Amino acid sequence: MPNIGPLEIAIVLVIVLLIFGPKRLPDLGRSMGRGMREFKDSITGKDDDNDSIESGETVTAASADEERKAAAKPADVS
């Protein structure tokens, strides 16, 4: 395996800067970070669906049935 030193890394960074330009580098870094995070999450089996459950965005089937039954009951008229 080749030894990669600081000089080689600096040369690669200069070439990337020349190719993509300073305006596109932040977007490129963000997209690479997102891609690496998604790849890591898929490898570890971590799922983002847990976040929506904890925040209460999803409705379970039982609670949906209860809401339908409550809406279908006639109101008490006194």
N, C-alpha and C. Protein backbone atom coordinates (compact mmCIF):
# COMPACT_ATOMS: atom_id res chain seq x y z
N MET A 1 0.85 -1.16 0.00
CA MET A 1 0.00 0.00 0.00
C MET A 1 0.90 1.23 0.00
N PRO A 2 0.58 2.20 -0.86
CA PRO A 2 1.45 3.38 -0.95
C PRO A 2 1.31 4.28 0.27
N ASN A 3 2.41 4.89 0.63
CA ASN A 3 2.39 5.85 1.73
C ASN A 3 1.94 7.21 1.20
N ILE A 4 0.89 7.75 1.79
CA ILE A 4 0.39 9.05 1.38
C ILE A 4 0.78 10.05 2.45
N GLY A 5 1.61 10.98 2.09
CA GLY A 5 2.09 11.99 3.02
C GLY A 5 1.37 13.31 2.86
N PRO A 6 1.76 14.29 3.65
CA PRO A 6 1.11 15.60 3.59
C PRO A 6 1.32 16.31 2.25
N LEU A 7 2.45 16.08 1.61
CA LEU A 7 2.70 16.72 0.32
C LEU A 7 1.72 16.20 -0.74
N GLU A 8 1.48 14.90 -0.77
CA GLU A 8 0.54 14.33 -1.73
C GLU A 8 -0.88 14.83 -1.48
N ILE A 9 -1.26 14.93 -0.21
CA ILE A 9 -2.60 15.42 0.12
C ILE A 9 -2.75 16.88 -0.32
N ALA A 10 -1.72 17.69 -0.10
CA ALA A 10 -1.75 19.09 -0.51
C ALA A 10 -1.88 19.22 -2.02
N ILE A 11 -1.17 18.39 -2.75
CA ILE A 11 -1.25 18.42 -4.22
C ILE A 11 -2.65 18.06 -4.69
N VAL A 12 -3.24 17.04 -4.10
CA VAL A 12 -4.60 16.63 -4.46
C VAL A 12 -5.59 17.75 -4.15
N LEU A 13 -5.45 18.40 -2.99
CA LEU A 13 -6.36 19.50 -2.62
C LEU A 13 -6.23 20.69 -3.58
N VAL A 14 -5.03 21.00 -4.01
CA VAL A 14 -4.83 22.09 -4.96
C VAL A 14 -5.47 21.74 -6.30
N ILE A 15 -5.32 20.51 -6.75
CA ILE A 15 -5.94 20.09 -8.01
C ILE A 15 -7.46 20.16 -7.92
N VAL A 16 -8.02 19.70 -6.78
CA VAL A 16 -9.48 19.76 -6.59
C VAL A 16 -9.94 21.21 -6.59
N LEU A 17 -9.20 22.09 -5.94
CA LEU A 17 -9.55 23.51 -5.91
C LEU A 17 -9.53 24.10 -7.31
N LEU A 18 -8.55 23.73 -8.12
CA LEU A 18 -8.47 24.24 -9.49
C LEU A 18 -9.61 23.72 -10.36
N ILE A 19 -9.99 22.47 -10.15
CA ILE A 19 -11.05 21.87 -10.98
C ILE A 19 -12.42 22.43 -10.61
N PHE A 20 -12.75 22.42 -9.33
CA PHE A 20 -14.10 22.78 -8.91
C PHE A 20 -14.26 24.25 -8.56
N GLY A 21 -13.23 24.93 -8.17
CA GLY A 21 -13.33 26.34 -7.82
C GLY A 21 -13.77 26.53 -6.38
N PRO A 22 -13.49 27.70 -5.83
CA PRO A 22 -13.79 27.94 -4.42
C PRO A 22 -15.28 28.06 -4.11
N LYS A 23 -16.11 28.37 -5.11
CA LYS A 23 -17.54 28.53 -4.85
C LYS A 23 -18.25 27.20 -4.71
N ARG A 24 -17.79 26.18 -5.41
CA ARG A 24 -18.48 24.89 -5.38
C ARG A 24 -17.93 23.93 -4.33
N LEU A 25 -16.80 24.25 -3.71
CA LEU A 25 -16.21 23.34 -2.73
C LEU A 25 -17.08 23.12 -1.50
N PRO A 26 -17.72 24.13 -0.90
CA PRO A 26 -18.59 23.85 0.26
C PRO A 26 -19.74 22.91 -0.08
N ASP A 27 -20.38 23.12 -1.24
CA ASP A 27 -21.47 22.22 -1.65
C ASP A 27 -20.96 20.81 -1.89
N LEU A 28 -19.79 20.70 -2.48
CA LEU A 28 -19.19 19.39 -2.73
C LEU A 28 -18.90 18.68 -1.41
N GLY A 29 -18.36 19.41 -0.44
CA GLY A 29 -18.08 18.83 0.87
C GLY A 29 -19.33 18.39 1.59
N ARG A 30 -20.39 19.22 1.51
CA ARG A 30 -21.66 18.85 2.15
C ARG A 30 -22.25 17.59 1.54
N SER A 31 -22.25 17.52 0.23
CA SER A 31 -22.83 16.34 -0.43
C SER A 31 -22.01 15.08 -0.15
N MET A 32 -20.69 15.23 -0.09
CA MET A 32 -19.86 14.07 0.26
C MET A 32 -20.12 13.64 1.70
N GLY A 33 -20.29 14.58 2.60
CA GLY A 33 -20.59 14.26 3.99
C GLY A 33 -21.92 13.54 4.14
N ARG A 34 -22.94 14.03 3.41
CA ARG A 34 -24.25 13.36 3.45
C ARG A 34 -24.16 11.95 2.90
N GLY A 35 -23.44 11.81 1.80
CA GLY A 35 -23.30 10.48 1.20
C GLY A 35 -22.57 9.51 2.12
N MET A 36 -21.52 10.00 2.78
CA MET A 36 -20.78 9.13 3.71
C MET A 36 -21.65 8.77 4.91
N ARG A 37 -22.45 9.73 5.40
CA ARG A 37 -23.34 9.46 6.54
C ARG A 37 -24.41 8.43 6.16
N GLU A 38 -25.00 8.58 4.97
CA GLU A 38 -26.01 7.62 4.52
C GLU A 38 -25.39 6.23 4.33
N PHE A 39 -24.19 6.19 3.80
CA PHE A 39 -23.51 4.91 3.62
C PHE A 39 -23.24 4.26 4.97
N LYS A 40 -22.75 5.03 5.93
CA LYS A 40 -22.46 4.50 7.26
C LYS A 40 -23.74 4.00 7.93
N ASP A 41 -24.84 4.78 7.80
CA ASP A 41 -26.10 4.36 8.39
C ASP A 41 -26.63 3.09 7.76
N SER A 42 -26.43 2.93 6.45
CA SER A 42 -26.91 1.71 5.79
C SER A 42 -26.07 0.50 6.20
N ILE A 43 -24.79 0.71 6.46
CA ILE A 43 -23.93 -0.38 6.88
C ILE A 43 -24.27 -0.82 8.31
N THR A 44 -24.50 0.16 9.20
CA THR A 44 -24.78 -0.16 10.60
C THR A 44 -26.22 -0.57 10.82
N GLY A 45 -27.08 -0.34 9.84
CA GLY A 45 -28.48 -0.72 9.97
C GLY A 45 -29.30 0.32 10.69
N LYS A 46 -28.74 1.48 10.92
CA LYS A 46 -29.46 2.56 11.59
C LYS A 46 -30.48 3.13 10.62
N ASP A 47 -31.70 3.43 11.14
CA ASP A 47 -32.77 3.91 10.29
C ASP A 47 -33.27 5.25 10.78
N ASP A 48 -33.60 6.16 9.87
CA ASP A 48 -34.07 7.49 10.24
C ASP A 48 -35.54 7.49 10.63
N ASP A 49 -36.25 6.38 10.48
CA ASP A 49 -37.66 6.33 10.83
C ASP A 49 -37.87 6.50 12.33
N ASN A 50 -36.89 6.17 13.14
CA ASN A 50 -37.02 6.31 14.59
C ASN A 50 -37.19 7.76 14.98
N ASP A 51 -36.61 8.69 14.25
CA ASP A 51 -36.73 10.10 14.56
C ASP A 51 -38.17 10.58 14.41
N SER A 52 -38.85 10.13 13.37
CA SER A 52 -40.22 10.58 13.16
C SER A 52 -41.16 9.97 14.19
N ILE A 53 -40.89 8.77 14.68
CA ILE A 53 -41.73 8.15 15.69
C ILE A 53 -41.59 8.89 17.01
N GLU A 54 -40.37 9.26 17.38
CA GLU A 54 -40.15 9.96 18.63
C GLU A 54 -40.77 11.34 18.63
N SER A 55 -40.83 11.99 17.48
CA SER A 55 -41.39 13.34 17.43
C SER A 55 -42.90 13.33 17.31
N GLY A 56 -43.50 12.14 17.18
CA GLY A 56 -44.95 12.04 17.14
C GLY A 56 -45.55 12.31 15.78
N GLU A 57 -44.78 12.21 14.72
CA GLU A 57 -45.30 12.50 13.39
C GLU A 57 -46.15 11.36 12.83
N THR A 58 -45.91 10.16 13.27
CA THR A 58 -46.64 9.03 12.73
C THR A 58 -47.81 8.69 13.64
N VAL A 59 -48.85 8.14 13.06
CA VAL A 59 -50.04 7.76 13.81
C VAL A 59 -50.17 6.25 13.71
N THR A 60 -50.37 5.61 14.85
CA THR A 60 -50.52 4.16 14.82
C THR A 60 -51.92 3.80 14.34
N ALA A 61 -52.11 2.57 13.93
CA ALA A 61 -53.40 2.12 13.43
C ALA A 61 -54.45 2.16 14.52
N ALA A 62 -54.09 1.82 15.76
CA ALA A 62 -55.04 1.81 16.87
C ALA A 62 -55.54 3.22 17.15
N SER A 63 -54.66 4.20 17.18
CA SER A 63 -55.10 5.56 17.47
C SER A 63 -55.92 6.12 16.32
N ALA A 64 -55.63 5.72 15.10
CA ALA A 64 -56.42 6.17 13.95
C ALA A 64 -57.83 5.59 14.02
N ASP A 65 -57.95 4.31 14.44
CA ASP A 65 -59.27 3.70 14.60
C ASP A 65 -60.08 4.40 15.68
N GLU A 66 -59.42 4.74 16.80
CA GLU A 66 -60.11 5.42 17.89
C GLU A 66 -60.62 6.79 17.43
N GLU A 67 -59.83 7.50 16.65
CA GLU A 67 -60.25 8.80 16.16
C GLU A 67 -61.45 8.68 15.22
N ARG A 68 -61.46 7.65 14.36
CA ARG A 68 -62.59 7.44 13.46
C ARG A 68 -63.85 7.11 14.23
N LYS A 69 -63.73 6.26 15.27
CA LYS A 69 -64.91 5.89 16.07
C LYS A 69 -65.46 7.09 16.82
N ALA A 70 -64.57 7.93 17.36
CA ALA A 70 -65.02 9.11 18.09
C ALA A 70 -65.71 10.09 17.14
N ALA A 71 -65.25 10.19 15.93
CA ALA A 71 -65.88 11.10 14.97
C ALA A 71 -67.21 10.57 14.50
N ALA A 72 -67.38 9.23 14.50
CA ALA A 72 -68.62 8.64 13.99
C ALA A 72 -69.73 8.63 15.05
N LYS A 73 -69.40 8.76 16.33
CA LYS A 73 -70.42 8.76 17.39
C LYS A 73 -71.24 10.04 17.31
N PRO A 74 -72.56 9.89 17.46
CA PRO A 74 -73.38 11.10 17.48
C PRO A 74 -73.16 11.87 18.78
N ALA A 75 -73.25 13.16 18.70
CA ALA A 75 -73.04 14.00 19.87
C ALA A 75 -74.25 13.89 20.79
N ASP A 76 -74.02 13.96 22.10
CA ASP A 76 -75.11 13.91 23.08
C ASP A 76 -75.89 15.21 23.02
N VAL A 77 -77.17 15.07 22.79
CA VAL A 77 -78.02 16.25 22.72
C VAL A 77 -78.85 16.30 23.99
N SER A 78 -78.76 17.39 24.74
CA SER A 78 -79.52 17.49 26.00
C SER A 78 -80.56 18.55 25.92
